[in-house]
Structures are given as C-alpha cells and as structure tokens.
Amino acid sequence: MKKMRQAVRGWRLNRQTHVDLAALAQLCNPIIQGWWNYYGAFYPSAMLDVYRHIDRALERWARRKYKVLSGRQRASAQWLRKLKNAEPRLFYHWSVIGDCGGQWFLSKGASRWELVKQSPTEFASRVTMPQDIAWRIFTRGINRESARAQTKIVGDHHLGERVFDLTAIVA
C-alpha cells in the first residue's frame, strides 16, 4: 500500500492544473483499476486508504486549479463530493466503492441476516435512497426525518423503517 501511495504522489496531481479532470481520470483510471483487480480481490479494505489518498490529491488539485477553492480544504472536499455524485464513473475507484459501497441487499438466511450483493428474487421491503444519504444515515451525519424525506420504501413499511436505526462502524 505504501508503494501505491508513493505512486500517487509521483503523479504530482496538484501540479497538473493545465489539464482538466477528465484528462486526469484518463491518466489514473487504468492504474487504479489494475490495483483494484490485483489487490482488491484479497485486501479490499486496504484499498480504501489508497482511494482516500487519491481523493485528497484531487482536492489539492482543485485548490490549485480553481482560485475560489484556494486555501479552502472543506470547500474542496465538498466540491469533490458533489462531483462524485454528479459523475460517479469519472474515476474508477468512485464506481468501485462509491460513498457507501454500491448496492447491497439485506437477506435473511437460515440462522442470521446477511448483506449480499445479489438481489433476492422476492423481498419483504425495499428501501431506496441516494448513496450520500445512506452514508450519512449509517454514520449518524443526518437526522432521521431529513433522511426519510429522500427515501422510498416499498413493501413492509415497518421493516423498511429499521434502516434508519442502522449504524456503521468505520475503522
């Protein structure tokens, strides 16, 4: 992982202000995808640190490219979040992990509940919400009422409401 972070530093993204973001994505995506294909299969959680490092480098790039963001770390982080929501496939690692890991399904097995990637053939309740809202719910960054306004529940409404009680433990 250390070598990957050094490689990202070697790209010197913050010095690439003469190119647009699409060109940066074109430069970085094959490398990021290769890392994910090789390391992500065995150690995906470690890749999250590398992806965060890339995102911080993109924030630094934005602060140098756009004068309005110069010296404003929070504003550049917000700019990047908005860009991720608007263009989730611009950088490969945004589509792999998204803000909250893509689409998951909670399925009841024989003895326990499981998070699965494959949709069950039938469901008791389906909860649909934007990724940024899901992340904020699971990290307690939004109140329930605001989240409910942007969430669609189909099926067993009482069961779907339990989503708002979930909390993620992020290490």
Protein backbone atom coordinates (compact mmCIF):
# COMPACT_ATOMS: atom_id res chain seq x y z
CA MET A 1 0.00 0.00 0.00
CA LYS A 2 2.90 2.30 0.71
CA LYS A 3 4.17 1.89 -2.86
CA MET A 4 0.74 2.78 -4.23
CA ARG A 5 0.63 5.97 -2.17
CA GLN A 6 4.13 6.81 -3.40
CA ALA A 7 2.96 6.23 -6.97
CA VAL A 8 0.04 8.63 -6.42
CA ARG A 9 2.49 11.22 -5.08
CA GLY A 10 4.62 10.58 -8.17
CA TRP A 11 1.70 11.58 -10.41
CA ARG A 12 2.02 15.06 -8.88
CA LEU A 13 -1.67 15.72 -9.48
CA ASN A 14 -1.58 19.07 -7.75
CA ARG A 15 0.89 20.25 -10.44
CA GLN A 16 -1.36 19.11 -13.31
CA THR A 17 -3.55 22.21 -13.30
CA HIS A 18 -3.09 22.71 -17.05
CA VAL A 19 -5.34 19.68 -17.76
CA ASP A 20 -8.99 19.12 -16.94
CA LEU A 21 -10.38 16.47 -14.62
CA ALA A 22 -11.37 14.12 -17.45
CA ALA A 23 -7.75 14.02 -18.62
CA LEU A 24 -6.60 13.24 -15.07
CA ALA A 25 -9.16 10.45 -14.90
CA GLN A 26 -7.91 9.06 -18.21
CA LEU A 27 -4.36 9.07 -16.83
CA CYS A 28 -5.20 7.49 -13.47
CA ASN A 29 -8.04 5.07 -14.17
CA PRO A 30 -6.04 2.23 -15.81
CA ILE A 31 -3.61 2.20 -12.88
CA ILE A 32 -6.36 2.42 -10.25
CA GLN A 33 -8.29 -0.37 -11.98
CA GLY A 34 -5.18 -2.56 -12.09
CA TRP A 35 -4.59 -2.04 -8.38
CA TRP A 36 -8.21 -2.92 -7.63
CA ASN A 37 -8.12 -6.04 -9.80
CA TYR A 38 -4.92 -7.28 -8.16
CA TYR A 39 -5.14 -6.16 -4.52
CA GLY A 40 -8.87 -5.59 -4.18
CA ALA A 41 -9.65 -9.28 -4.52
CA PHE A 42 -7.66 -10.14 -1.39
CA TYR A 43 -7.44 -6.95 0.64
CA PRO A 44 -10.23 -4.53 -0.37
CA SER A 45 -10.28 -2.69 2.95
CA ALA A 46 -6.67 -1.59 2.50
CA MET A 47 -7.58 -0.16 -0.90
CA LEU A 48 -9.92 2.30 0.81
CA ASP A 49 -6.92 4.10 2.29
CA VAL A 50 -5.33 4.37 -1.14
CA TYR A 51 -8.60 5.66 -2.61
CA ARG A 52 -8.88 8.27 0.15
CA HIS A 53 -5.32 9.30 -0.61
CA ILE A 54 -6.22 9.75 -4.28
CA ASP A 55 -9.27 11.80 -3.34
CA ARG A 56 -7.17 14.06 -1.10
CA ALA A 57 -4.76 14.55 -4.02
CA LEU A 58 -7.72 15.51 -6.22
CA GLU A 59 -8.82 18.01 -3.59
CA ARG A 60 -5.34 19.56 -3.62
CA TRP A 61 -5.51 19.67 -7.43
CA ALA A 62 -8.85 21.50 -7.25
CA ARG A 63 -7.47 24.03 -4.76
CA ARG A 64 -4.64 24.88 -7.16
CA LYS A 65 -6.80 24.78 -10.31
CA TYR A 66 -9.72 26.87 -9.06
CA LYS A 67 -8.89 30.07 -7.21
CA VAL A 68 -12.24 30.06 -5.42
CA LEU A 69 -11.14 26.86 -3.63
CA SER A 70 -7.62 28.07 -2.90
CA GLY A 71 -6.83 27.58 0.78
CA ARG A 72 -10.28 26.14 1.50
CA GLN A 73 -9.97 22.46 2.43
CA ARG A 74 -13.61 21.97 3.41
CA ALA A 75 -14.84 23.65 0.25
CA SER A 76 -12.61 21.46 -1.93
CA ALA A 77 -13.82 18.33 -0.11
CA GLN A 78 -17.42 19.40 -0.68
CA TRP A 79 -16.64 20.15 -4.34
CA LEU A 80 -15.25 16.62 -4.73
CA ARG A 81 -18.30 15.06 -3.02
CA LYS A 82 -20.63 16.92 -5.38
CA LEU A 83 -18.55 15.83 -8.34
CA LYS A 84 -18.69 12.20 -7.19
CA ASN A 85 -22.47 12.41 -7.06
CA ALA A 86 -22.72 14.11 -10.46
CA GLU A 87 -20.10 11.92 -12.23
CA PRO A 88 -19.81 8.67 -10.23
CA ARG A 89 -17.95 6.87 -13.02
CA LEU A 90 -15.37 9.55 -13.80
CA PHE A 91 -12.70 7.90 -11.64
CA TYR A 92 -12.65 4.11 -11.41
CA HIS A 93 -12.44 3.98 -7.61
CA TRP A 94 -15.60 6.08 -7.29
CA SER A 95 -17.63 3.39 -9.08
CA VAL A 96 -15.98 0.55 -7.15
CA ILE A 97 -16.63 1.88 -3.68
CA GLY A 98 -18.98 4.79 -4.12
CA ASP A 99 -19.74 6.73 -0.97
CA CYS A 100 -21.21 3.73 0.77
CA GLY A 101 -20.08 0.69 -1.18
CA GLY A 102 -22.58 0.40 -4.01
CA GLN A 103 -25.80 -1.60 -3.92
CA TRP A 104 -26.36 -4.16 -1.16
CA PHE A 105 -29.29 -6.30 -0.07
CA LEU A 106 -30.12 -7.49 3.43
CA SER A 107 -31.27 -11.08 3.23
CA LYS A 108 -32.45 -13.39 5.99
CA GLY A 109 -30.65 -16.71 5.88
CA ALA A 110 -31.48 -19.87 7.79
CA SER A 111 -29.95 -18.65 11.05
CA ARG A 112 -28.96 -14.98 10.53
CA TRP A 113 -29.26 -11.84 8.45
CA GLU A 114 -26.62 -11.24 5.75
CA LEU A 115 -25.59 -8.41 3.46
CA VAL A 116 -25.47 -9.78 -0.08
CA LYS A 117 -24.60 -8.24 -3.45
CA GLN A 118 -27.15 -10.29 -5.41
CA SER A 119 -30.78 -9.21 -5.23
CA PRO A 120 -33.09 -11.79 -3.68
CA THR A 121 -35.85 -12.94 -6.01
CA GLU A 122 -38.53 -11.59 -3.68
CA PHE A 123 -38.32 -9.08 -0.89
CA ALA A 124 -40.47 -8.05 2.06
CA SER A 125 -39.36 -4.42 1.93
CA ARG A 126 -37.22 -2.41 -0.47
CA VAL A 127 -35.57 0.82 0.70
CA THR A 128 -34.10 3.10 -1.97
CA MET A 129 -32.04 6.19 -1.16
CA PRO A 130 -29.17 8.19 -2.64
CA GLN A 131 -25.69 6.97 -1.66
CA ASP A 132 -24.75 10.15 0.14
CA ILE A 133 -27.90 9.90 2.28
CA ALA A 134 -27.17 6.23 3.07
CA TRP A 135 -23.65 7.10 4.17
CA ARG A 136 -24.88 9.93 6.33
CA ILE A 137 -27.55 7.70 7.93
CA PHE A 138 -25.07 4.96 8.78
CA THR A 139 -22.56 7.41 10.24
CA ARG A 140 -25.21 9.47 12.05
CA GLY A 141 -24.46 12.53 9.93
CA ILE A 142 -28.14 13.27 9.21
CA ASN A 143 -31.30 13.18 11.27
CA ARG A 144 -33.93 10.54 10.52
CA GLU A 145 -36.60 12.96 9.36
CA SER A 146 -34.36 14.53 6.70
CA ALA A 147 -33.32 11.08 5.51
CA ARG A 148 -36.92 9.83 5.38
CA ALA A 149 -37.85 12.70 3.07
CA GLN A 150 -35.33 11.43 0.50
CA THR A 151 -36.01 7.72 0.92
CA LYS A 152 -38.53 5.47 -0.83
CA ILE A 153 -39.88 2.40 0.98
CA VAL A 154 -41.84 -0.26 -0.92
CA GLY A 155 -43.40 -3.28 0.77
CA ASP A 156 -43.39 -3.73 4.54
CA HIS A 157 -43.04 -0.12 5.70
CA HIS A 158 -42.34 -1.08 9.33
CA LEU A 159 -39.44 -3.34 8.29
CA GLY A 160 -38.06 -0.68 5.91
CA GLU A 161 -38.05 1.91 8.68
CA ARG A 162 -35.49 -0.22 10.56
CA VAL A 163 -32.84 1.03 8.10
CA PHE A 164 -32.85 4.33 9.94
CA ASP A 165 -31.69 2.54 13.11
CA LEU A 166 -28.55 1.07 11.48
CA THR A 167 -25.09 2.37 12.33
CA ALA A 168 -21.86 1.56 10.50
CA ILE A 169 -18.59 1.08 12.34
CA VAL A 170 -15.87 2.55 10.16
CA ALA A 171 -12.33 1.62 11.06
